[in-house]
Amino acid sequence: MKLFTKKSKAVIGIDIGTHSIKLVELAGSKASPRVVAWAVVPLPAGAFSENAIANAELVADALNEAMVKSGAKGEAAAVAVSSSHAITKVLGMPAEIGENELEEQINIEALHFIPYPIDEVNLDFEIIGKSDANEDENDVLLVACRRSIVDDYIDLIEGSSLELNYVDIDTYALERVYRSQNSLGAQSDQPVAVFDIGASSSHLMVMDSDRVLYSRHQNFGSAQLIKLIRKEYGVSADEAEEILASSQPPGDFLTAVQEPFVEMLRQEVSRALQFFYSSSTYSNIDSVVLSGGCCGLAGLAGDLEVKLRAKVSVLNPVSGANVQSRRDMIASSAPALSVAYGLSLRGLS
């Protein structure tokens, strides 16, 4: 399964996370997208383990529920594996060599840094532009993932009677959405930090106008927010989720839960940025863009902005789209839909 296969057929983007399945179906064009279907469906305990499918039957049931709930009519799908399972490397390759020779050279280079037998991985590559280091070379992005992990997603999608057109990496899908949101672009020469908050882990990407400069995973996620709610109100995990989703949380929620969580988030973002600064020539960023389901928390970006003393915004993938499906309900779920939206963008021209 090729990661960068190019097709023009519209696809349903399916983001299978450790906590829920997010689904987005787009129509129209990249310049004028339309959201024709979307859904967020929780996954039961035991469905996922360490960012990989642990119980295919539970995940398949949730996917079928998401298809029904969303009303999606398409037959083609795109999914993403976690970047924690992917190995990526930018290689300098002679600009003049042909495609077949380039593929041979890529396979040879892959042997030097992929810690698995080459027949146990899916490899793909894409030319991303002229090399800054050598004008006679192109920078080529190489991506590798264990075949067993990719096969789990293939089996899942094909078992649901969908046609799998793309296997992507979650962070590439997220970057695709960010690039489509021109209003979030840097207002200075400094790069932008995108901090994606998952259920159990987060991922920082620092980007300039052309490419990702830095990438780092951290063991921090919305699970910490759920723990704070459970501890403060003495409730179960399910009850904590209900409080988080409620439009009328407890009166002391802001001071008892949200403020401590924002401080935890500040520490995590600051720590991740310090690692970036120490490994680059930069000492500052333009702004921070948040992504992930918990970013729908009212006032979260503003609270973090005060603590970080830097501009903070929330990535809203549907802000530039014509939402035709359950328009009145999408606002609170939009921050969680970014990866699924970015996957579906691959099917638009």
Protein backbone atom coordinates (compact mmCIF):
# COMPACT_ATOMS: atom_id res chain seq x y z
CA MET A 1 0.00 0.00 0.00
CA LYS A 2 1.59 3.25 -1.16
CA LEU A 3 1.55 6.20 1.18
CA PHE A 4 1.76 8.77 -1.58
CA THR A 5 -0.34 7.12 -4.31
CA LYS A 6 -2.11 9.80 -6.29
CA LYS A 7 -5.78 9.30 -7.14
CA SER A 8 -8.48 11.83 -7.91
CA LYS A 9 -11.38 9.88 -6.40
CA ALA A 10 -13.01 11.53 -3.38
CA VAL A 11 -12.34 9.63 -0.17
CA ILE A 12 -13.68 9.31 3.36
CA GLY A 13 -11.01 10.28 5.87
CA ILE A 14 -10.98 7.88 8.83
CA ASP A 15 -8.86 8.75 11.85
CA ILE A 16 -8.70 5.72 14.14
CA GLY A 17 -7.29 6.99 17.42
CA THR A 18 -6.76 5.29 20.75
CA HIS A 19 -9.91 6.90 22.19
CA SER A 20 -12.31 7.33 19.27
CA ILE A 21 -12.88 7.09 15.54
CA LYS A 22 -13.25 10.35 13.66
CA LEU A 23 -14.69 10.36 10.15
CA VAL A 24 -14.96 13.12 7.54
CA GLU A 25 -16.27 12.93 3.99
CA LEU A 26 -15.50 15.91 1.75
CA ALA A 27 -16.75 16.85 -1.71
CA GLY A 28 -16.00 19.76 -4.02
CA SER A 29 -12.39 20.91 -4.39
CA LYS A 30 -9.47 21.89 -2.18
CA ALA A 31 -10.27 25.51 -2.93
CA SER A 32 -13.95 25.06 -2.10
CA PRO A 33 -14.46 21.97 0.10
CA ARG A 34 -17.83 20.77 1.35
CA VAL A 35 -18.29 18.64 4.48
CA VAL A 36 -20.98 16.17 3.43
CA ALA A 37 -20.56 13.73 6.34
CA TRP A 38 -18.76 13.53 9.67
CA ALA A 39 -18.87 11.64 12.94
CA VAL A 40 -17.01 11.03 16.19
CA VAL A 41 -17.58 7.64 17.83
CA PRO A 42 -15.83 6.52 21.05
CA LEU A 43 -13.84 3.30 21.10
CA PRO A 44 -14.41 0.84 23.95
CA ALA A 45 -11.60 -0.07 26.32
CA GLY A 46 -9.28 -2.68 24.88
CA ALA A 47 -9.74 -1.67 21.23
CA PHE A 48 -6.30 -0.05 21.05
CA SER A 49 -2.97 -0.63 22.73
CA GLU A 50 0.20 1.43 22.26
CA ASN A 51 -1.22 3.25 19.23
CA ALA A 52 -2.00 -0.01 17.43
CA ILE A 53 -5.21 -1.97 16.88
CA ALA A 54 -5.54 -4.56 19.65
CA ASN A 55 -9.10 -5.80 19.05
CA ALA A 56 -10.10 -5.56 15.38
CA GLU A 57 -13.71 -6.57 16.06
CA LEU A 58 -14.28 -3.70 18.50
CA VAL A 59 -12.72 -1.20 16.09
CA ALA A 60 -14.77 -2.57 13.16
CA ASP A 61 -17.99 -2.18 15.14
CA ALA A 62 -17.11 1.43 15.98
CA LEU A 63 -16.24 2.14 12.33
CA ASN A 64 -19.58 0.76 11.18
CA GLU A 65 -21.32 2.93 13.80
CA ALA A 66 -19.43 5.98 12.52
CA MET A 67 -20.47 5.25 8.94
CA VAL A 68 -24.12 4.97 9.96
CA LYS A 69 -24.04 7.99 12.26
CA SER A 70 -22.35 10.19 9.64
CA GLY A 71 -24.47 9.08 6.71
CA ALA A 72 -21.34 8.80 4.56
CA LYS A 73 -22.09 7.48 1.09
CA GLY A 74 -18.60 7.14 -0.39
CA GLU A 75 -16.85 3.87 -1.04
CA ALA A 76 -13.20 4.95 -0.98
CA ALA A 77 -11.30 5.57 2.25
CA ALA A 78 -8.07 6.99 3.59
CA VAL A 79 -6.61 6.04 6.98
CA ALA A 80 -3.56 7.11 8.94
CA VAL A 81 -1.12 5.16 11.05
CA SER A 82 0.46 6.86 14.05
CA SER A 83 3.70 8.68 13.32
CA SER A 84 5.12 6.84 16.34
CA HIS A 85 5.06 3.70 14.15
CA ALA A 86 6.59 5.37 11.11
CA ILE A 87 10.24 5.90 10.26
CA THR A 88 10.90 8.96 8.14
CA LYS A 89 14.09 10.34 6.68
CA VAL A 90 14.95 13.01 4.12
CA LEU A 91 17.60 11.81 1.69
CA GLY A 92 19.60 13.75 -0.87
CA MET A 93 19.38 12.05 -4.26
CA PRO A 94 20.86 13.03 -7.65
CA ALA A 95 18.31 15.17 -9.46
CA GLU A 96 18.96 13.65 -12.87
CA ILE A 97 18.39 9.95 -12.18
CA GLY A 98 15.27 8.22 -13.49
CA GLU A 99 12.40 6.90 -11.39
CA ASN A 100 13.47 3.24 -11.50
CA GLU A 101 17.06 4.04 -10.50
CA LEU A 102 15.80 6.37 -7.78
CA GLU A 103 13.64 3.59 -6.34
CA GLU A 104 16.63 1.23 -6.33
CA GLN A 105 18.79 3.79 -4.54
CA ILE A 106 16.04 4.45 -1.99
CA ASN A 107 15.77 0.74 -1.19
CA ILE A 108 19.53 0.52 -0.71
CA GLU A 109 19.60 3.56 1.58
CA ALA A 110 16.69 2.19 3.60
CA LEU A 111 18.77 -0.83 4.62
CA HIS A 112 21.10 1.46 6.58
CA PHE A 113 18.59 2.90 9.05
CA ILE A 114 15.45 0.73 9.13
CA PRO A 115 15.81 -1.65 12.11
CA TYR A 116 13.63 -4.38 10.59
CA PRO A 117 14.08 -6.83 7.73
CA ILE A 118 13.23 -4.93 4.55
CA ASP A 119 10.59 -7.50 3.57
CA GLU A 120 8.68 -6.72 6.79
CA VAL A 121 8.09 -3.03 6.02
CA ASN A 122 6.09 -0.93 3.60
CA LEU A 123 8.30 1.68 1.95
CA ASP A 124 7.33 4.75 0.00
CA PHE A 125 9.00 7.97 -1.03
CA GLU A 126 8.24 11.36 -2.52
CA ILE A 127 10.45 14.06 -4.03
CA ILE A 128 9.83 17.17 -1.95
CA GLY A 129 12.02 19.67 -3.81
CA LYS A 130 15.52 20.85 -4.59
CA SER A 131 18.09 20.29 -1.85
CA ASP A 132 19.34 23.39 -0.04
CA ALA A 133 22.64 21.64 0.62
CA ASN A 134 23.40 20.57 -2.96
CA GLU A 135 21.91 22.12 -6.09
CA ASP A 136 22.50 18.89 -8.01
CA GLU A 137 20.29 16.89 -5.64
CA ASN A 138 16.63 16.61 -4.74
CA ASP A 139 15.41 16.11 -1.19
CA VAL A 140 13.45 12.86 -1.11
CA LEU A 141 11.18 11.96 1.80
CA LEU A 142 11.34 8.28 2.66
CA VAL A 143 8.65 6.74 4.87
CA ALA A 144 8.64 3.20 6.26
CA CYS A 145 6.16 1.36 8.47
CA ARG A 146 5.94 -2.22 9.68
CA ARG A 147 3.83 -4.19 7.21
CA SER A 148 1.94 -5.93 10.03
CA ILE A 149 0.62 -2.56 11.25
CA VAL A 150 -0.41 -1.41 7.78
CA ASP A 151 -2.07 -4.78 7.12
CA ASP A 152 -4.28 -4.30 10.21
CA TYR A 153 -5.70 -1.12 8.66
CA ILE A 154 -6.10 -2.73 5.25
CA ASP A 155 -8.01 -5.66 6.76
CA LEU A 156 -10.20 -3.31 8.80
CA ILE A 157 -11.21 -1.08 5.89
CA GLU A 158 -11.68 -3.87 3.38
CA GLY A 159 -13.72 -5.79 5.96
CA SER A 160 -16.13 -2.85 6.13
CA SER A 161 -16.76 -3.02 2.36
CA LEU A 162 -14.85 0.21 1.73
CA GLU A 163 -12.03 0.56 -0.78
CA LEU A 164 -8.76 1.68 0.82
CA ASN A 165 -7.14 4.28 -1.45
CA TYR A 166 -4.56 5.78 0.91
CA VAL A 167 -2.55 4.85 3.96
CA ASP A 168 -1.09 8.06 5.36
CA ILE A 169 0.74 9.22 8.48
CA ASP A 170 -1.38 11.15 10.99
CA THR A 171 1.03 14.08 11.25
CA TYR A 172 1.13 14.52 7.46
CA ALA A 173 -2.65 14.74 7.44
CA LEU A 174 -2.50 17.32 10.23
CA GLU A 175 0.11 19.36 8.37
CA ARG A 176 -2.10 19.26 5.25
CA VAL A 177 -4.96 20.85 7.20
CA TYR A 178 -2.70 23.49 8.71
CA ARG A 179 -1.34 24.45 5.28
CA SER A 180 -4.92 24.84 4.03
CA GLN A 181 -5.70 27.34 6.81
CA ASN A 182 -3.93 30.41 5.45
CA SER A 183 -5.17 32.65 8.26
CA LEU A 184 -3.07 30.65 10.75
CA GLY A 185 0.16 31.20 8.85
CA ALA A 186 3.11 32.88 10.49
CA GLN A 187 3.02 36.67 10.56
CA SER A 188 6.82 36.87 10.92
CA ASP A 189 9.96 35.06 9.83
CA GLN A 190 9.67 32.77 12.84
CA PRO A 191 8.19 29.25 12.49
CA VAL A 192 4.85 28.11 13.89
CA ALA A 193 4.43 25.33 16.46
CA VAL A 194 1.49 22.96 16.03
CA PHE A 195 0.74 21.00 19.21
CA ASP A 196 -1.65 18.10 18.63
CA ILE A 197 -3.15 16.69 21.83
CA GLY A 198 -4.29 13.10 21.61
CA ALA A 199 -5.87 10.92 24.27
CA SER A 200 -2.64 9.57 25.73
CA SER A 201 0.13 11.38 23.85
CA SER A 202 0.82 14.65 22.11
CA HIS A 203 2.90 15.63 19.13
CA LEU A 204 4.72 18.90 18.48
CA MET A 205 5.52 19.95 14.92
CA VAL A 206 7.42 23.14 14.23
CA MET A 207 6.92 24.35 10.66
CA ASP A 208 8.07 27.15 8.43
CA SER A 209 6.41 28.07 5.15
CA ASP A 210 7.91 25.09 3.34
CA ARG A 211 8.43 22.12 5.61
CA VAL A 212 8.43 20.59 9.07
CA LEU A 213 11.56 21.69 10.92
CA TYR A 214 11.12 19.62 14.07
CA SER A 215 8.91 16.85 15.39
CA ARG A 216 8.57 15.42 18.89
CA HIS A 217 6.18 13.06 20.71
CA GLN A 218 5.34 13.51 24.41
CA ASN A 219 3.50 11.37 26.96
CA PHE A 220 0.78 13.90 27.63
CA GLY A 221 -2.83 13.92 26.50
CA SER A 222 -6.46 14.55 27.29
CA ALA A 223 -6.32 11.54 29.64
CA GLN A 224 -4.71 13.94 32.13
CA LEU A 225 -7.77 16.17 31.87
CA ILE A 226 -10.08 13.22 32.52
CA LYS A 227 -7.99 12.27 35.57
CA LEU A 228 -8.35 15.79 36.95
CA ILE A 229 -12.12 15.66 36.53
CA ARG A 230 -12.38 12.24 38.17
CA LYS A 231 -10.22 13.30 41.11
CA GLU A 232 -12.06 16.58 41.66
CA TYR A 233 -15.62 15.24 41.44
CA GLY A 234 -15.19 11.59 42.41
CA VAL A 235 -16.75 10.26 39.21
CA SER A 236 -16.11 7.38 36.81
CA ALA A 237 -14.26 7.80 33.52
CA ASP A 238 -17.54 7.76 31.58
CA GLU A 239 -19.03 10.38 33.89
CA ALA A 240 -15.91 12.51 33.49
CA GLU A 241 -16.33 12.35 29.70
CA GLU A 242 -19.93 13.53 30.10
CA ILE A 243 -18.82 16.48 32.25
CA LEU A 244 -16.19 17.39 29.66
CA ALA A 245 -18.75 17.28 26.86
CA SER A 246 -21.42 19.18 28.80
CA SER A 247 -22.35 22.72 27.85
CA GLN A 248 -22.92 23.40 31.56
CA PRO A 249 -19.98 21.98 33.58
CA PRO A 250 -19.84 22.37 37.37
CA GLY A 251 -19.56 25.94 38.61
CA ASP A 252 -15.99 25.52 39.87
CA PHE A 253 -14.79 23.67 36.74
CA LEU A 254 -12.67 26.58 35.54
CA THR A 255 -10.64 26.97 38.72
CA ALA A 256 -10.68 23.35 39.90
CA VAL A 257 -9.97 21.59 36.60
CA GLN A 258 -9.31 23.82 33.61
CA GLU A 259 -6.70 26.09 35.19
CA PRO A 260 -4.57 23.17 36.48
CA PHE A 261 -4.83 21.47 33.08
CA VAL A 262 -3.76 24.65 31.27
CA GLU A 263 -0.73 24.88 33.53
CA MET A 264 0.15 21.25 32.72
CA LEU A 265 -0.29 22.04 29.04
CA ARG A 266 1.94 25.12 29.34
CA GLN A 267 4.69 23.03 30.88
CA GLU A 268 4.46 20.41 28.13
CA VAL A 269 4.48 22.95 25.29
CA SER A 270 7.34 24.90 26.87
CA ARG A 271 9.37 21.73 27.40
CA ALA A 272 8.84 20.61 23.81
CA LEU A 273 9.82 24.04 22.47
CA GLN A 274 12.99 24.09 24.57
CA PHE A 275 14.06 20.84 22.90
CA PHE A 276 13.41 22.49 19.53
CA TYR A 277 15.41 25.61 20.40
CA SER A 278 18.33 23.55 21.69
CA SER A 279 18.53 21.60 18.42
CA SER A 280 18.10 24.50 15.98
CA THR A 281 19.22 28.04 15.27
CA TYR A 282 15.85 29.43 16.38
CA SER A 283 15.18 30.95 19.77
CA ASN A 284 11.56 31.94 19.24
CA ILE A 285 8.38 30.98 17.39
CA ASP A 286 5.65 33.03 15.78
CA SER A 287 2.71 31.31 17.47
CA VAL A 288 1.27 28.05 18.80
CA VAL A 289 -1.62 26.26 17.07
CA LEU A 290 -3.49 23.67 19.15
CA SER A 291 -5.25 20.62 17.75
CA GLY A 292 -7.17 17.72 19.26
CA GLY A 293 -10.49 16.99 20.88
CA CYS A 294 -9.86 18.70 24.23
CA CYS A 295 -9.09 21.95 22.39
CA GLY A 296 -12.84 22.49 22.13
CA LEU A 297 -12.71 23.47 25.81
CA ALA A 298 -14.04 27.02 26.05
CA GLY A 299 -11.29 29.56 26.64
CA LEU A 300 -8.44 27.03 26.48
CA ALA A 301 -6.43 28.89 23.83
CA GLY A 302 -6.83 32.25 25.57
CA ASP A 303 -5.81 30.82 28.94
CA LEU A 304 -2.70 29.22 27.44
CA GLU A 305 -1.85 32.40 25.55
CA VAL A 306 -1.65 34.32 28.81
CA LYS A 307 0.63 31.72 30.37
CA LEU A 308 2.90 31.25 27.34
CA ARG A 309 2.98 34.96 26.48
CA ALA A 310 2.67 33.97 22.83
CA LYS A 311 -0.18 33.93 20.34
CA VAL A 312 -2.24 30.72 20.65
CA SER A 313 -5.05 29.57 18.36
CA VAL A 314 -7.04 26.39 17.78
CA LEU A 315 -6.92 24.58 14.45
CA ASN A 316 -10.48 24.40 13.10
CA PRO A 317 -10.37 22.23 9.97
CA VAL A 318 -13.88 23.13 8.83
CA SER A 319 -13.52 26.91 9.12
CA GLY A 320 -13.05 27.33 5.37
CA ALA A 321 -15.52 24.65 4.32
CA ASN A 322 -19.21 24.62 3.51
CA VAL A 323 -20.59 22.33 6.21
CA GLN A 324 -23.65 20.51 4.85
CA SER A 325 -23.92 17.82 7.52
CA ARG A 326 -25.21 18.61 11.04
CA ARG A 327 -23.87 22.17 10.86
CA ASP A 328 -25.30 23.08 14.27
CA MET A 329 -23.38 20.26 16.00
CA ILE A 330 -19.93 20.39 14.42
CA ALA A 331 -18.37 23.31 16.34
CA SER A 332 -17.57 21.38 19.52
CA SER A 333 -16.21 18.38 17.58
CA ALA A 334 -14.24 20.31 14.94
CA PRO A 335 -10.84 20.34 16.74
CA ALA A 336 -10.98 16.53 16.93
CA LEU A 337 -11.63 16.18 13.19
CA SER A 338 -8.35 17.63 11.90
CA VAL A 339 -6.60 14.38 10.95
CA ALA A 340 -9.74 12.87 9.36
CA TYR A 341 -10.29 16.12 7.46
CA GLY A 342 -6.67 16.11 6.26
CA LEU A 343 -7.05 12.53 5.08
CA SER A 344 -10.18 13.37 3.09
CA LEU A 345 -8.41 16.35 1.51
CA ARG A 346 -6.23 13.84 -0.36
CA GLY A 347 -9.19 12.93 -2.51
CA LEU A 348 -9.86 16.50 -3.66
CA SER A 349 -8.20 18.23 -6.58
